[in-house]
């Protein structure tokens, strides 16, 4: 099963429900972190096949850290400008297909 990491927002349950319908898994993180951002994001991104960043729903430092970690791990990353779970998931599915 392909796994999408979604970083940012607050729609974990909606994302999980939509992902099941698409036949993929979701690892969700709200994007809210302490000072050790890389330590929080690293294990999540290691498990994921791709990363969707909800650009309007997390801080810039968190977004930059996610981008850096994804690049180090060679994970494809896409940015979703809205807050909608459906659009974010569509972008993630398109990235792994």
PDB file of N, CA and C in Angstrom:
ATOM      1  N   UNK A   1       0.829  -1.179   0.000  1.00  0.00           N
ATOM      2  CA  UNK A   1       0.000   0.000   0.000  1.00  0.00           C
ATOM      3  C   UNK A   1       0.875   1.245   0.000  1.00  0.00           C
ATOM      4  N   UNK A   2       0.539   2.170  -0.847  1.00  0.00           N
ATOM      5  CA  UNK A   2       1.267   3.437  -0.916  1.00  0.00           C
ATOM      6  C   UNK A   2       0.832   4.339   0.229  1.00  0.00           C
ATOM      7  N   UNK A   3       1.779   5.111   0.757  1.00  0.00           N
ATOM      8  CA  UNK A   3       1.501   5.955   1.906  1.00  0.00           C
ATOM      9  C   UNK A   3       1.851   7.402   1.598  1.00  0.00           C
ATOM     10  N   UNK A   4       0.931   8.297   1.934  1.00  0.00           N
ATOM     11  CA  UNK A   4       1.098   9.728   1.708  1.00  0.00           C
ATOM     12  C   UNK A   4       1.224  10.415   3.061  1.00  0.00           C
ATOM     13  N   UNK A   5       2.253  11.224   3.232  1.00  0.00           N
ATOM     14  CA  UNK A   5       2.374  12.057   4.425  1.00  0.00           C
ATOM     15  C   UNK A   5       1.715  13.392   4.121  1.00  0.00           C
ATOM     16  N   UNK A   6       0.778  13.785   4.950  1.00  0.00           N
ATOM     17  CA  UNK A   6       0.121  15.083   4.807  1.00  0.00           C
ATOM     18  C   UNK A   6       0.522  15.911   6.016  1.00  0.00           C
ATOM     19  N   UNK A   7       1.164  17.049   5.741  1.00  0.00           N
ATOM     20  CA  UNK A   7       1.673  17.903   6.802  1.00  0.00           C
ATOM     21  C   UNK A   7       0.907  19.218   6.770  1.00  0.00           C
ATOM     22  N   UNK A   8       0.264  19.541   7.877  1.00  0.00           N
ATOM     23  CA  UNK A   8      -0.476  20.791   8.002  1.00  0.00           C
ATOM     24  C   UNK A   8      -1.972  20.564   8.067  1.00  0.00           C
ATOM     25  N   UNK A   9      -2.642  21.444   8.763  1.00  0.00           N
ATOM     26  CA  UNK A   9      -4.090  21.369   8.836  1.00  0.00           C
ATOM     27  C   UNK A   9      -4.592  20.635  10.054  1.00  0.00           C
ATOM     28  N   UNK A  10      -5.876  20.267   9.974  1.00  0.00           N
ATOM     29  CA  UNK A  10      -6.504  19.627  11.126  1.00  0.00           C
ATOM     30  C   UNK A  10      -7.546  18.589  10.709  1.00  0.00           C
ATOM     31  N   UNK A  11      -7.458  18.095   9.500  1.00  0.00           N
ATOM     32  CA  UNK A  11      -8.490  17.199   8.982  1.00  0.00           C
ATOM     33  C   UNK A  11      -8.035  15.745   8.926  1.00  0.00           C
ATOM     34  N   UNK A  12      -7.433  15.275   9.970  1.00  0.00           N
ATOM     35  CA  UNK A  12      -6.882  13.924   9.996  1.00  0.00           C
ATOM     36  C   UNK A  12      -7.931  12.861   9.674  1.00  0.00           C
ATOM     37  N   UNK A  13      -9.062  12.892  10.337  1.00  0.00           N
ATOM     38  CA  UNK A  13     -10.081  11.864  10.126  1.00  0.00           C
ATOM     39  C   UNK A  13     -10.623  11.891   8.700  1.00  0.00           C
ATOM     40  N   UNK A  14     -10.840  13.061   8.159  1.00  0.00           N
ATOM     41  CA  UNK A  14     -11.324  13.181   6.782  1.00  0.00           C
ATOM     42  C   UNK A  14     -10.303  12.629   5.807  1.00  0.00           C
ATOM     43  N   UNK A  15      -9.047  12.964   6.013  1.00  0.00           N
ATOM     44  CA  UNK A  15      -7.984  12.464   5.142  1.00  0.00           C
ATOM     45  C   UNK A  15      -7.892  10.943   5.200  1.00  0.00           C
ATOM     46  N   UNK A  16      -7.993  10.381   6.392  1.00  0.00           N
ATOM     47  CA  UNK A  16      -7.918   8.921   6.533  1.00  0.00           C
ATOM     48  C   UNK A  16      -9.081   8.240   5.819  1.00  0.00           C
ATOM     49  N   UNK A  17     -10.266   8.801   5.931  1.00  0.00           N
ATOM     50  CA  UNK A  17     -11.447   8.244   5.271  1.00  0.00           C
ATOM     51  C   UNK A  17     -11.289   8.303   3.749  1.00  0.00           C
ATOM     52  N   UNK A  18     -10.860   9.442   3.235  1.00  0.00           N
ATOM     53  CA  UNK A  18     -10.672   9.594   1.791  1.00  0.00           C
ATOM     54  C   UNK A  18      -9.559   8.685   1.277  1.00  0.00           C
ATOM     55  N   UNK A  19      -8.506   8.528   2.065  1.00  0.00           N
ATOM     56  CA  UNK A  19      -7.381   7.688   1.650  1.00  0.00           C
ATOM     57  C   UNK A  19      -7.794   6.223   1.539  1.00  0.00           C
ATOM     58  N   UNK A  20      -8.607   5.758   2.477  1.00  0.00           N
ATOM     59  CA  UNK A  20      -9.093   4.374   2.399  1.00  0.00           C
ATOM     60  C   UNK A  20      -9.856   4.139   1.101  1.00  0.00           C
ATOM     61  N   UNK A  21     -10.657   5.103   0.700  1.00  0.00           N
ATOM     62  CA  UNK A  21     -11.415   4.987  -0.549  1.00  0.00           C
ATOM     63  C   UNK A  21     -10.483   4.923  -1.761  1.00  0.00           C
ATOM     64  N   UNK A  22      -9.325   5.571  -1.664  1.00  0.00           N
ATOM     65  CA  UNK A  22      -8.351   5.597  -2.753  1.00  0.00           C
ATOM     66  C   UNK A  22      -7.385   4.416  -2.688  1.00  0.00           C
ATOM     67  N   UNK A  23      -7.461   3.630  -1.618  1.00  0.00           N
ATOM     68  CA  UNK A  23      -6.581   2.478  -1.478  1.00  0.00           C
ATOM     69  C   UNK A  23      -5.162   2.841  -1.085  1.00  0.00           C
ATOM     70  N   UNK A  24      -5.014   3.911  -0.333  1.00  0.00           N
ATOM     71  CA  UNK A  24      -3.678   4.286   0.138  1.00  0.00           C
ATOM     72  C   UNK A  24      -3.742   4.630   1.619  1.00  0.00           C
ATOM     73  N   UNK A  25      -2.581   4.751   2.225  1.00  0.00           N
ATOM     74  CA  UNK A  25      -2.486   5.093   3.633  1.00  0.00           C
ATOM     75  C   UNK A  25      -2.097   6.548   3.814  1.00  0.00           C
ATOM     76  N   UNK A  26      -2.385   7.067   4.979  1.00  0.00           N
ATOM     77  CA  UNK A  26      -2.075   8.464   5.312  1.00  0.00           C
ATOM     78  C   UNK A  26      -1.295   8.490   6.617  1.00  0.00           C
ATOM     79  N   UNK A  27      -0.268   9.309   6.636  1.00  0.00           N
ATOM     80  CA  UNK A  27       0.395   9.671   7.884  1.00  0.00           C
ATOM     81  C   UNK A  27       0.191  11.173   8.013  1.00  0.00           C
ATOM     82  N   UNK A  28      -0.485  11.589   9.050  1.00  0.00           N
ATOM     83  CA  UNK A  28      -0.845  12.999   9.208  1.00  0.00           C
ATOM     84  C   UNK A  28      -0.050  13.637  10.335  1.00  0.00           C
ATOM     85  N   UNK A  29       0.355  14.885  10.111  1.00  0.00           N
ATOM     86  CA  UNK A  29       0.969  15.705  11.160  1.00  0.00           C
ATOM     87  C   UNK A  29       0.434  17.115  10.976  1.00  0.00           C
ATOM     88  N   UNK A  30      -0.012  17.713  12.051  1.00  0.00           N
ATOM     89  CA  UNK A  30      -0.612  19.051  11.975  1.00  0.00           C
ATOM     90  C   UNK A  30       0.377  20.131  11.550  1.00  0.00           C
ATOM     91  N   UNK A  31       1.655  19.865  11.695  1.00  0.00           N
ATOM     92  CA  UNK A  31       2.668  20.860  11.370  1.00  0.00           C
ATOM     93  C   UNK A  31       3.087  21.690  12.566  1.00  0.00           C
ATOM     94  N   UNK A  32       2.369  21.542  13.658  1.00  0.00           N
ATOM     95  CA  UNK A  32       2.715  22.272  14.877  1.00  0.00           C
ATOM     96  C   UNK A  32       3.812  21.509  15.597  1.00  0.00           C
ATOM     97  N   UNK A  33       4.929  22.185  15.810  1.00  0.00           N
ATOM     98  CA  UNK A  33       6.089  21.527  16.403  1.00  0.00           C
ATOM     99  C   UNK A  33       6.762  22.417  17.434  1.00  0.00           C
ATOM    100  N   UNK A  34       7.661  21.807  18.145  1.00  0.00           N
ATOM    101  CA  UNK A  34       8.532  22.552  19.038  1.00  0.00           C
ATOM    102  C   UNK A  34       9.766  22.990  18.256  1.00  0.00           C
ATOM    103  N   UNK A  35      10.854  23.125  18.941  1.00  0.00           N
ATOM    104  CA  UNK A  35      12.082  23.586  18.291  1.00  0.00           C
ATOM    105  C   UNK A  35      12.795  22.481  17.521  1.00  0.00           C
ATOM    106  N   UNK A  36      12.512  21.238  17.815  1.00  0.00           N
ATOM    107  CA  UNK A  36      13.195  20.113  17.164  1.00  0.00           C
ATOM    108  C   UNK A  36      12.333  19.586  16.020  1.00  0.00           C
ATOM    109  N   UNK A  37      12.099  20.434  15.032  1.00  0.00           N
ATOM    110  CA  UNK A  37      11.217  20.092  13.921  1.00  0.00           C
ATOM    111  C   UNK A  37      11.700  18.871  13.147  1.00  0.00           C
ATOM    112  N   UNK A  38      12.978  18.844  12.830  1.00  0.00           N
ATOM    113  CA  UNK A  38      13.487  17.744  12.010  1.00  0.00           C
ATOM    114  C   UNK A  38      13.269  16.400  12.696  1.00  0.00           C
ATOM    115  N   UNK A  39      13.453  16.334  14.000  1.00  0.00           N
ATOM    116  CA  UNK A  39      13.251  15.078  14.735  1.00  0.00           C
ATOM    117  C   UNK A  39      11.794  14.626  14.673  1.00  0.00           C
ATOM    118  N   UNK A  40      10.859  15.556  14.580  1.00  0.00           N
ATOM    119  CA  UNK A  40       9.450  15.190  14.494  1.00  0.00           C
ATOM    120  C   UNK A  40       9.075  14.719  13.094  1.00  0.00           C
ATOM    121  N   UNK A  41       9.612  15.378  12.085  1.00  0.00           N
ATOM    122  CA  UNK A  41       9.214  15.067  10.717  1.00  0.00           C
ATOM    123  C   UNK A  41       9.969  13.891  10.106  1.00  0.00           C
ATOM    124  N   UNK A  42      11.188  13.657  10.525  1.00  0.00           N
ATOM    125  CA  UNK A  42      12.019  12.615   9.924  1.00  0.00           C
ATOM    126  C   UNK A  42      11.359  11.232   9.934  1.00  0.00           C
ATOM    127  N   UNK A  43      10.876  10.721  11.073  1.00  0.00           N
ATOM    128  CA  UNK A  43      10.275   9.383  11.047  1.00  0.00           C
ATOM    129  C   UNK A  43       9.010   9.308  10.189  1.00  0.00           C
ATOM    130  N   UNK A  44       8.258  10.385  10.131  1.00  0.00           N
ATOM    131  CA  UNK A  44       7.043  10.417   9.306  1.00  0.00           C
ATOM    132  C   UNK A  44       7.405  10.335   7.837  1.00  0.00           C
ATOM    133  N   UNK A  45       8.350  11.140   7.422  1.00  0.00           N
ATOM    134  CA  UNK A  45       8.715  11.188   6.007  1.00  0.00           C
ATOM    135  C   UNK A  45       9.447   9.925   5.561  1.00  0.00           C
ATOM    136  N   UNK A  46      10.141   9.277   6.465  1.00  0.00           N
ATOM    137  CA  UNK A  46      10.795   8.006   6.119  1.00  0.00           C
ATOM    138  C   UNK A  46       9.766   6.952   5.716  1.00  0.00           C
ATOM    139  N   UNK A  47       8.626   6.938   6.404  1.00  0.00           N
ATOM    140  CA  UNK A  47       7.598   5.936   6.160  1.00  0.00           C
ATOM    141  C   UNK A  47       6.742   6.237   4.932  1.00  0.00           C
ATOM    142  N   UNK A  48       6.763   7.474   4.471  1.00  0.00           N
ATOM    143  CA  UNK A  48       5.875   7.895   3.383  1.00  0.00           C
ATOM    144  C   UNK A  48       6.513   7.693   2.013  1.00  0.00           C
ATOM    145  N   UNK A  49       5.644   7.492   1.017  1.00  0.00           N
ATOM    146  CA  UNK A  49       6.101   7.418  -0.373  1.00  0.00           C
ATOM    147  C   UNK A  49       6.162   8.802  -1.009  1.00  0.00           C
ATOM    148  N   UNK A  50       5.340   9.723  -0.522  1.00  0.00           N
ATOM    149  CA  UNK A  50       5.371  11.107  -0.993  1.00  0.00           C
ATOM    150  C   UNK A  50       4.840  12.012   0.109  1.00  0.00           C
ATOM    151  N   UNK A  51       4.994  13.323  -0.092  1.00  0.00           N
ATOM    152  CA  UNK A  51       4.627  14.296   0.928  1.00  0.00           C
ATOM    153  C   UNK A  51       3.737  15.367   0.312  1.00  0.00           C
ATOM    154  N   UNK A  52       2.632  15.670   0.999  1.00  0.00           N
ATOM    155  CA  UNK A  52       1.772  16.787   0.627  1.00  0.00           C
ATOM    156  C   UNK A  52       1.835  17.797   1.768  1.00  0.00           C
ATOM    157  N   UNK A  53       2.214  19.031   1.436  1.00  0.00           N
ATOM    158  CA  UNK A  53       2.285  20.097   2.429  1.00  0.00           C
ATOM    159  C   UNK A  53       1.086  21.010   2.225  1.00  0.00           C
ATOM    160  N   UNK A  54       0.294  21.168   3.267  1.00  0.00           N
ATOM    161  CA  UNK A  54      -0.837  22.091   3.240  1.00  0.00           C
ATOM    162  C   UNK A  54      -0.264  23.483   3.536  1.00  0.00           C
ATOM    163  N   UNK A  55       0.159  24.168   2.492  1.00  0.00           N
ATOM    164  CA  UNK A  55       0.966  25.369   2.623  1.00  0.00           C
ATOM    165  C   UNK A  55       0.329  26.466   3.480  1.00  0.00           C
ATOM    166  N   UNK A  56      -0.960  26.604   3.458  1.00  0.00           N
ATOM    167  CA  UNK A  56      -1.594  27.651   4.241  1.00  0.00           C
ATOM    168  C   UNK A  56      -1.930  27.234   5.658  1.00  0.00           C
ATOM    169  N   UNK A  57      -1.568  26.022   6.037  1.00  0.00           N
ATOM    170  CA  UNK A  57      -2.017  25.501   7.321  1.00  0.00           C
ATOM    171  C   UNK A  57      -0.880  25.113   8.256  1.00  0.00           C
ATOM    172  N   UNK A  58       0.314  25.642   8.016  1.00  0.00           N
ATOM    173  CA  UNK A  58       1.421  25.407   8.941  1.00  0.00           C
ATOM    174  C   UNK A  58       2.404  26.556   8.829  1.00  0.00           C
ATOM    175  N   UNK A  59       3.292  26.654   9.791  1.00  0.00           N
ATOM    176  CA  UNK A  59       4.247  27.764   9.819  1.00  0.00           C
ATOM    177  C   UNK A  59       5.302  27.611   8.724  1.00  0.00           C
ATOM    178  N   UNK A  60       5.881  28.733   8.344  1.00  0.00           N
ATOM    179  CA  UNK A  60       6.942  28.682   7.342  1.00  0.00           C
ATOM    180  C   UNK A  60       8.145  27.865   7.804  1.00  0.00           C
ATOM    181  N   UNK A  61       8.595  28.011   9.061  1.00  0.00           N
ATOM    182  CA  UNK A  61       9.722  27.174   9.498  1.00  0.00           C
ATOM    183  C   UNK A  61       9.424  25.673   9.395  1.00  0.00           C
ATOM    184  N   UNK A  62       8.208  25.271   9.733  1.00  0.00           N
ATOM    185  CA  UNK A  62       7.853  23.855   9.596  1.00  0.00           C
ATOM    186  C   UNK A  62       7.847  23.446   8.134  1.00  0.00           C
ATOM    187  N   UNK A  63       7.309  24.296   7.274  1.00  0.00           N
ATOM    188  CA  UNK A  63       7.260  23.990   5.849  1.00  0.00           C
ATOM    189  C   UNK A  63       8.673  23.840   5.278  1.00  0.00           C
ATOM    190  N   UNK A  64       9.569  24.724   5.658  1.00  0.00           N
ATOM    191  CA  UNK A  64      10.948  24.643   5.166  1.00  0.00           C
ATOM    192  C   UNK A  64      11.632  23.380   5.679  1.00  0.00           C
ATOM    193  N   UNK A  65      11.385  23.030   6.927  1.00  0.00           N
ATOM    194  CA  UNK A  65      11.985  21.820   7.483  1.00  0.00           C
ATOM    195  C   UNK A  65      11.479  20.582   6.757  1.00  0.00           C
ATOM    196  N   UNK A  66      10.179  20.516   6.501  1.00  0.00           N
ATOM    197  CA  UNK A  66       9.615  19.378   5.765  1.00  0.00           C
ATOM    198  C   UNK A  66      10.260  19.285   4.392  1.00  0.00           C
ATOM    199  N   UNK A  67      10.399  20.408   3.712  1.00  0.00           N
ATOM    200  CA  UNK A  67      11.023  20.416   2.388  1.00  0.00           C
ATOM    201  C   UNK A  67      12.460  19.897   2.448  1.00  0.00           C
ATOM    202  N   UNK A  68      13.220  20.363   3.420  1.00  0.00           N
ATOM    203  CA  UNK A  68      14.616  19.934   3.550  1.00  0.00           C
ATOM    204  C   UNK A  68      14.720  18.433   3.832  1.00  0.00           C
ATOM    205  N   UNK A  69      13.893  17.938   4.739  1.00  0.00           N
ATOM    206  CA  UNK A  69      13.930  16.517   5.094  1.00  0.00           C
ATOM    207  C   UNK A  69      13.497  15.672   3.902  1.00  0.00           C
ATOM    208  N   UNK A  70      12.447  16.097   3.209  1.00  0.00           N
ATOM    209  CA  UNK A  70      11.980  15.349   2.029  1.00  0.00           C
ATOM    210  C   UNK A  70      13.070  15.290   0.961  1.00  0.00           C
ATOM    211  N   UNK A  71      13.760  16.386   0.740  1.00  0.00           N
ATOM    212  CA  UNK A  71      14.845  16.398  -0.246  1.00  0.00           C
ATOM    213  C   UNK A  71      15.980  15.465   0.165  1.00  0.00           C
ATOM    214  N   UNK A  72      16.349  15.472   1.443  1.00  0.00           N
ATOM    215  CA  UNK A  72      17.402  14.580   1.933  1.00  0.00           C
ATOM    216  C   UNK A  72      17.039  13.117   1.718  1.00  0.00           C
ATOM    217  N   UNK A  73      15.753  12.796   1.927  1.00  0.00           N
ATOM    218  CA  UNK A  73      15.292  11.413   1.798  1.00  0.00           C
ATOM    219  C   UNK A  73      14.907  11.048   0.362  1.00  0.00           C
ATOM    220  N   UNK A  74      14.911  12.021  -0.517  1.00  0.00           N
ATOM    221  CA  UNK A  74      14.530  11.762  -1.908  1.00  0.00           C
ATOM    222  C   UNK A  74      13.046  11.505  -2.092  1.00  0.00           C
ATOM    223  N   UNK A  75      12.215  12.092  -1.227  1.00  0.00           N
ATOM    224  CA  UNK A  75      10.769  11.908  -1.303  1.00  0.00           C
ATOM    225  C   UNK A  75      10.157  13.002  -2.165  1.00  0.00           C
ATOM    226  N   UNK A  76       9.273  12.631  -3.095  1.00  0.00           N
ATOM    227  CA  UNK A  76       8.590  13.667  -3.872  1.00  0.00           C
ATOM    228  C   UNK A  76       7.669  14.479  -2.958  1.00  0.00           C
ATOM    229  N   UNK A  77       7.584  15.777  -3.238  1.00  0.00           N
ATOM    230  CA  UNK A  77       6.803  16.676  -2.393  1.00  0.00           C
ATOM    231  C   UNK A  77       5.963  17.590  -3.275  1.00  0.00           C
ATOM    232  N   UNK A  78       4.752  17.863  -2.815  1.00  0.00           N
ATOM    233  CA  UNK A  78       3.858  18.763  -3.532  1.00  0.00           C
ATOM    234  C   UNK A  78       3.205  19.670  -2.494  1.00  0.00           C
ATOM    235  N   UNK A  79       2.873  20.896  -2.926  1.00  0.00           N
ATOM    236  CA  UNK A  79       2.276  21.878  -2.031  1.00  0.00           C
ATOM    237  C   UNK A  79       0.824  22.104  -2.424  1.00  0.00           C
ATOM    238  N   UNK A  80      -0.056  22.061  -1.431  1.00  0.00           N
ATOM    239  CA  UNK A  80      -1.477  22.318  -1.654  1.00  0.00           C
ATOM    240  C   UNK A  80      -1.803  23.661  -1.013  1.00  0.00           C
ATOM    241  N   UNK A  81      -2.303  24.594  -1.809  1.00  0.00           N
ATOM    242  CA  UNK A  81      -2.525  25.950  -1.314  1.00  0.00           C
ATOM    243  C   UNK A  81      -3.786  26.107  -0.480  1.00  0.00           C
ATOM    244  N   UNK A  82      -4.777  25.283  -0.705  1.00  0.00           N
ATOM    245  CA  UNK A  82      -6.016  25.404   0.056  1.00  0.00           C
ATOM    246  C   UNK A  82      -5.956  24.641   1.360  1.00  0.00           C
ATOM    247  N   UNK A  83      -7.126  24.546   2.000  1.00  0.00           N
ATOM    248  CA  UNK A  83      -7.238  23.815   3.255  1.00  0.00           C
ATOM    249  C   UNK A  83      -8.008  22.513   3.063  1.00  0.00           C
ATOM    250  N   UNK A  84      -8.456  22.238   1.849  1.00  0.00           N
ATOM    251  CA  UNK A  84      -9.308  21.084   1.592  1.00  0.00           C
ATOM    252  C   UNK A  84      -8.573  19.761   1.568  1.00  0.00           C
ATOM    253  N   UNK A  85      -9.157  18.797   2.266  1.00  0.00           N
ATOM    254  CA  UNK A  85      -8.578  17.461   2.338  1.00  0.00           C
ATOM    255  C   UNK A  85      -8.654  16.746   0.991  1.00  0.00           C
ATOM    256  N   UNK A  86      -9.751  16.929   0.275  1.00  0.00           N
ATOM    257  CA  UNK A  86      -9.934  16.240  -1.000  1.00  0.00           C
ATOM    258  C   UNK A  86      -8.866  16.657  -2.005  1.00  0.00           C
ATOM    259  N   UNK A  87      -8.627  17.941  -2.136  1.00  0.00           N
ATOM    260  CA  UNK A  87      -7.610  18.435  -3.068  1.00  0.00           C
ATOM    261  C   UNK A  87      -6.211  18.000  -2.688  1.00  0.00           C
ATOM    262  N   UNK A  88      -5.921  18.007  -1.397  1.00  0.00           N
ATOM    263  CA  UNK A  88      -4.602  17.578  -0.926  1.00  0.00           C
ATOM    264  C   UNK A  88      -4.372  16.114  -1.239  1.00  0.00           C
ATOM    265  N   UNK A  89      -5.378  15.291  -0.992  1.00  0.00           N
ATOM    266  CA  UNK A  89      -5.238  13.867  -1.259  1.00  0.00           C
ATOM    267  C   UNK A  89      -5.098  13.591  -2.748  1.00  0.00           C
ATOM    268  N   UNK A  90      -5.853  14.298  -3.575  1.00  0.00           N
ATOM    269  CA  UNK A  90      -5.734  14.131  -5.025  1.00  0.00           C
ATOM    270  C   UNK A  90      -4.315  14.416  -5.495  1.00  0.00           C
ATOM    271  N   UNK A  91      -3.711  15.465  -4.959  1.00  0.00           N
ATOM    272  CA  UNK A  91      -2.329  15.799  -5.323  1.00  0.00           C
ATOM    273  C   UNK A  91      -1.372  14.695  -4.890  1.00  0.00           C
ATOM    274  N   UNK A  92      -1.577  14.145  -3.719  1.00  0.00           N
ATOM    275  CA  UNK A  92      -0.717  13.064  -3.232  1.00  0.00           C
ATOM    276  C   UNK A  92      -0.860  11.810  -4.068  1.00  0.00           C
ATOM    277  N   UNK A  93      -2.090  11.441  -4.393  1.00  0.00           N
ATOM    278  CA  UNK A  93      -2.325  10.254  -5.222  1.00  0.00           C
ATOM    279  C   UNK A  93      -1.708  10.425  -6.603  1.00  0.00           C
ATOM    280  N   UNK A  94      -1.853  11.614  -7.173  1.00  0.00           N
ATOM    281  CA  UNK A  94      -1.260  11.878  -8.487  1.00  0.00           C
ATOM    282  C   UNK A  94       0.264  11.772  -8.437  1.00  0.00           C
ATOM    283  N   UNK A  95       0.833  12.154  -7.325  1.00  0.00           N
ATOM    284  CA  UNK A  95       2.294  12.121  -7.173  1.00  0.00           C
ATOM    285  C   UNK A  95       2.835  10.701  -7.087  1.00  0.00           C
ATOM    286  N   UNK A  96       2.064   9.775  -6.493  1.00  0.00           N
ATOM    287  CA  UNK A  96       2.574   8.405  -6.345  1.00  0.00           C
ATOM    288  C   UNK A  96       2.134   7.483  -7.467  1.00  0.00           C
ATOM    289  N   UNK A  97       1.184   7.922  -8.298  1.00  0.00           N
ATOM    290  CA  UNK A  97       0.748   7.086  -9.426  1.00  0.00           C
ATOM    291  C   UNK A  97       1.683   7.204 -10.603  1.00  0.00           C
TER     292      UNK A  97
END
